[in-house]
Amino acid sequence: MSKTIEERLAEHPELKAQIETLLDIAESDIEKAHDVEVRTVKSIQVVGQQVMQQWAEQQAQKKSDAAKDQNGPELTGKGKKNSPG
């Protein structure tokens, strides 16, 4: 069974906050359409940046996990390198 939108947003608090900001704009008493548009566009840009950041972090983690699984414990980074320089 797939997760509800509430469950999914709970896993992404930054996105949840931006969605709430968009809802605040939609429910606001702003009088000018231009002001609503400007605020909405800015909020959507923030959402886009957050989505890209979270996606990139997930991809990096997946690749790191896959490399560790494939190459074993030698990729776990235990301690300092002993460099002669």
N, C-alpha and C. Protein backbone atom coordinates (compact mmCIF):
# COMPACT_ATOMS: atom_id res chain seq x y z
N MET A 1 0.84 -1.18 0.00
CA MET A 1 0.00 0.00 0.00
C MET A 1 0.89 1.25 0.00
N SER A 2 0.56 2.21 -0.81
CA SER A 2 1.38 3.42 -0.89
C SER A 2 1.06 4.35 0.26
N LYS A 3 2.02 5.22 0.55
CA LYS A 3 1.87 6.17 1.65
C LYS A 3 0.91 7.29 1.26
N THR A 4 0.28 7.86 2.27
CA THR A 4 -0.57 9.02 2.03
C THR A 4 0.31 10.24 1.82
N ILE A 5 -0.27 11.29 1.30
CA ILE A 5 0.50 12.51 1.10
C ILE A 5 0.97 13.08 2.44
N GLU A 6 0.16 12.91 3.49
CA GLU A 6 0.56 13.37 4.81
C GLU A 6 1.80 12.63 5.30
N GLU A 7 1.83 11.32 5.10
CA GLU A 7 2.99 10.52 5.50
C GLU A 7 4.23 10.91 4.71
N ARG A 8 4.03 11.14 3.43
CA ARG A 8 5.17 11.52 2.59
C ARG A 8 5.70 12.89 2.96
N LEU A 9 4.81 13.85 3.20
CA LEU A 9 5.25 15.18 3.59
C LEU A 9 5.92 15.18 4.96
N ALA A 10 5.50 14.29 5.84
CA ALA A 10 6.13 14.18 7.16
C ALA A 10 7.60 13.78 7.03
N GLU A 11 7.93 13.08 5.97
CA GLU A 11 9.32 12.67 5.72
C GLU A 11 10.14 13.79 5.08
N HIS A 12 9.48 14.85 4.66
CA HIS A 12 10.15 15.98 4.00
C HIS A 12 9.64 17.30 4.60
N PRO A 13 10.07 17.63 5.81
CA PRO A 13 9.52 18.80 6.49
C PRO A 13 9.75 20.12 5.75
N GLU A 14 10.85 20.23 5.00
CA GLU A 14 11.10 21.46 4.26
C GLU A 14 10.07 21.65 3.15
N LEU A 15 9.76 20.56 2.46
CA LEU A 15 8.74 20.63 1.42
C LEU A 15 7.36 20.90 2.01
N LYS A 16 7.09 20.27 3.15
CA LYS A 16 5.81 20.49 3.81
C LYS A 16 5.63 21.97 4.15
N ALA A 17 6.68 22.59 4.64
CA ALA A 17 6.61 24.01 4.99
C ALA A 17 6.32 24.87 3.77
N GLN A 18 6.92 24.53 2.63
CA GLN A 18 6.68 25.31 1.42
C GLN A 18 5.27 25.08 0.88
N ILE A 19 4.77 23.87 1.00
CA ILE A 19 3.39 23.60 0.57
C ILE A 19 2.43 24.41 1.44
N GLU A 20 2.73 24.47 2.73
CA GLU A 20 1.90 25.28 3.63
C GLU A 20 1.98 26.76 3.25
N THR A 21 3.14 27.22 2.82
CA THR A 21 3.28 28.61 2.37
C THR A 21 2.41 28.86 1.14
N LEU A 22 2.40 27.92 0.22
CA LEU A 22 1.55 28.06 -0.96
C LEU A 22 0.07 28.10 -0.58
N LEU A 23 -0.30 27.26 0.37
CA LEU A 23 -1.69 27.28 0.83
C LEU A 23 -2.03 28.61 1.52
N ASP A 24 -1.07 29.13 2.28
CA ASP A 24 -1.28 30.44 2.91
C ASP A 24 -1.52 31.52 1.86
N ILE A 25 -0.76 31.45 0.77
CA ILE A 25 -0.94 32.42 -0.31
C ILE A 25 -2.32 32.27 -0.92
N ALA A 26 -2.72 31.03 -1.18
CA ALA A 26 -4.03 30.77 -1.79
C ALA A 26 -5.18 31.25 -0.91
N GLU A 27 -4.99 31.18 0.39
CA GLU A 27 -6.05 31.54 1.33
C GLU A 27 -5.90 32.98 1.87
N SER A 28 -4.97 33.72 1.31
CA SER A 28 -4.67 35.05 1.85
C SER A 28 -5.68 36.11 1.39
N ASP A 29 -5.53 37.27 1.99
CA ASP A 29 -6.37 38.43 1.64
C ASP A 29 -5.62 39.39 0.73
N ILE A 30 -4.60 38.89 0.03
CA ILE A 30 -3.84 39.74 -0.88
C ILE A 30 -4.79 40.24 -1.96
N GLU A 31 -4.72 41.52 -2.22
CA GLU A 31 -5.70 42.13 -3.13
C GLU A 31 -5.28 42.13 -4.59
N LYS A 32 -3.97 42.16 -4.85
CA LYS A 32 -3.52 42.27 -6.24
C LYS A 32 -3.03 40.92 -6.76
N ALA A 33 -3.50 40.58 -7.94
CA ALA A 33 -3.10 39.33 -8.58
C ALA A 33 -1.59 39.28 -8.79
N HIS A 34 -1.01 40.43 -9.12
CA HIS A 34 0.44 40.48 -9.35
C HIS A 34 1.20 40.07 -8.08
N ASP A 35 0.75 40.54 -6.92
CA ASP A 35 1.42 40.19 -5.67
C ASP A 35 1.30 38.69 -5.37
N VAL A 36 0.15 38.13 -5.65
CA VAL A 36 -0.04 36.69 -5.47
C VAL A 36 0.89 35.93 -6.41
N GLU A 37 0.97 36.38 -7.65
CA GLU A 37 1.83 35.72 -8.64
C GLU A 37 3.29 35.75 -8.21
N VAL A 38 3.76 36.90 -7.77
CA VAL A 38 5.17 37.04 -7.36
C VAL A 38 5.47 36.11 -6.20
N ARG A 39 4.62 36.11 -5.20
CA ARG A 39 4.84 35.25 -4.02
C ARG A 39 4.78 33.78 -4.40
N THR A 40 3.85 33.43 -5.28
CA THR A 40 3.71 32.04 -5.70
C THR A 40 4.94 31.58 -6.47
N VAL A 41 5.40 32.39 -7.39
CA VAL A 41 6.58 32.03 -8.19
C VAL A 41 7.80 31.84 -7.29
N LYS A 42 7.99 32.76 -6.34
CA LYS A 42 9.13 32.62 -5.43
C LYS A 42 9.04 31.34 -4.62
N SER A 43 7.85 31.03 -4.15
CA SER A 43 7.67 29.83 -3.35
C SER A 43 7.90 28.57 -4.19
N ILE A 44 7.42 28.57 -5.40
CA ILE A 44 7.62 27.42 -6.29
C ILE A 44 9.11 27.25 -6.60
N GLN A 45 9.84 28.33 -6.75
CA GLN A 45 11.29 28.24 -6.98
C GLN A 45 11.98 27.58 -5.80
N VAL A 46 11.57 27.95 -4.60
CA VAL A 46 12.15 27.33 -3.40
C VAL A 46 11.83 25.84 -3.37
N VAL A 47 10.59 25.49 -3.69
CA VAL A 47 10.21 24.08 -3.74
C VAL A 47 11.09 23.34 -4.74
N GLY A 48 11.28 23.90 -5.89
CA GLY A 48 12.12 23.27 -6.91
C GLY A 48 13.54 23.05 -6.43
N GLN A 49 14.10 24.04 -5.77
CA GLN A 49 15.46 23.90 -5.23
C GLN A 49 15.52 22.81 -4.18
N GLN A 50 14.53 22.76 -3.31
CA GLN A 50 14.50 21.74 -2.27
C GLN A 50 14.34 20.34 -2.86
N VAL A 51 13.50 20.21 -3.85
CA VAL A 51 13.31 18.91 -4.50
C VAL A 51 14.61 18.45 -5.15
N MET A 52 15.28 19.34 -5.85
CA MET A 52 16.55 18.98 -6.49
C MET A 52 17.60 18.58 -5.45
N GLN A 53 17.67 19.32 -4.35
CA GLN A 53 18.63 19.02 -3.29
C GLN A 53 18.36 17.65 -2.68
N GLN A 54 17.10 17.39 -2.34
CA GLN A 54 16.76 16.11 -1.74
C GLN A 54 16.98 14.96 -2.71
N TRP A 55 16.65 15.17 -3.96
CA TRP A 55 16.86 14.14 -4.97
C TRP A 55 18.35 13.82 -5.09
N ALA A 56 19.19 14.87 -5.16
CA ALA A 56 20.63 14.68 -5.30
C ALA A 56 21.20 13.93 -4.09
N GLU A 57 20.74 14.28 -2.91
CA GLU A 57 21.21 13.59 -1.71
C GLU A 57 20.82 12.12 -1.72
N GLN A 58 19.60 11.82 -2.17
CA GLN A 58 19.15 10.42 -2.25
C GLN A 58 19.98 9.65 -3.27
N GLN A 59 20.25 10.27 -4.41
CA GLN A 59 21.05 9.61 -5.44
C GLN A 59 22.46 9.32 -4.94
N ALA A 60 23.06 10.29 -4.26
CA ALA A 60 24.41 10.11 -3.73
C ALA A 60 24.43 8.98 -2.70
N GLN A 61 23.41 8.93 -1.85
CA GLN A 61 23.34 7.88 -0.84
C GLN A 61 23.17 6.51 -1.48
N LYS A 62 22.31 6.43 -2.50
CA LYS A 62 22.10 5.16 -3.19
C LYS A 62 23.40 4.66 -3.83
N LYS A 63 24.12 5.57 -4.47
CA LYS A 63 25.38 5.19 -5.13
C LYS A 63 26.43 4.79 -4.10
N SER A 64 26.48 5.51 -3.00
CA SER A 64 27.42 5.16 -1.93
C SER A 64 27.11 3.79 -1.35
N ASP A 65 25.83 3.54 -1.09
CA ASP A 65 25.42 2.25 -0.55
C ASP A 65 25.72 1.12 -1.54
N ALA A 66 25.47 1.37 -2.82
CA ALA A 66 25.73 0.34 -3.83
C ALA A 66 27.22 0.05 -3.94
N ALA A 67 28.05 1.09 -3.86
CA ALA A 67 29.50 0.90 -3.93
C ALA A 67 30.00 0.12 -2.72
N LYS A 68 29.46 0.42 -1.55
CA LYS A 68 29.86 -0.32 -0.34
C LYS A 68 29.44 -1.78 -0.44
N ASP A 69 28.23 -2.02 -0.95
CA ASP A 69 27.76 -3.40 -1.11
C ASP A 69 28.63 -4.17 -2.09
N GLN A 70 29.02 -3.48 -3.16
CA GLN A 70 29.79 -4.14 -4.21
C GLN A 70 31.24 -4.37 -3.80
N ASN A 71 31.83 -3.41 -3.08
CA ASN A 71 33.25 -3.47 -2.78
C ASN A 71 33.57 -3.88 -1.35
N GLY A 72 32.58 -4.08 -0.54
CA GLY A 72 32.82 -4.55 0.81
C GLY A 72 33.33 -3.48 1.75
N PRO A 73 33.92 -3.90 2.85
CA PRO A 73 34.30 -2.97 3.92
C PRO A 73 35.46 -2.04 3.58
N GLU A 74 36.19 -2.28 2.52
CA GLU A 74 37.34 -1.41 2.23
C GLU A 74 36.94 0.01 1.86
N LEU A 75 35.66 0.27 1.60
CA LEU A 75 35.20 1.63 1.28
C LEU A 75 34.60 2.34 2.49
N THR A 76 34.70 1.77 3.64
CA THR A 76 34.03 2.37 4.79
C THR A 76 34.82 3.49 5.43
N GLY A 77 36.06 3.73 5.02
CA GLY A 77 36.82 4.87 5.52
C GLY A 77 37.12 4.80 6.99
N LYS A 78 37.94 3.85 7.38
CA LYS A 78 38.27 3.68 8.79
C LYS A 78 39.61 4.35 9.08
N GLY A 79 39.57 5.52 9.67
CA GLY A 79 40.79 6.18 10.11
C GLY A 79 41.43 7.08 9.06
N LYS A 80 42.59 7.64 9.47
CA LYS A 80 43.33 8.56 8.60
C LYS A 80 44.16 7.79 7.60
N LYS A 81 44.43 8.46 6.49
CA LYS A 81 45.39 7.92 5.54
C LYS A 81 46.79 8.17 6.09
N ASN A 82 47.69 7.28 5.85
CA ASN A 82 49.07 7.46 6.28
C ASN A 82 49.88 7.95 5.08
N SER A 83 49.92 9.26 4.92
CA SER A 83 50.61 9.85 3.79
C SER A 83 52.00 10.27 4.21
N PRO A 84 53.01 9.95 3.39
CA PRO A 84 54.39 10.33 3.75
C PRO A 84 54.66 11.82 3.58
N GLY A 85 53.72 12.56 3.00
CA GLY A 85 53.97 13.95 2.70
C GLY A 85 53.40 14.84 3.68
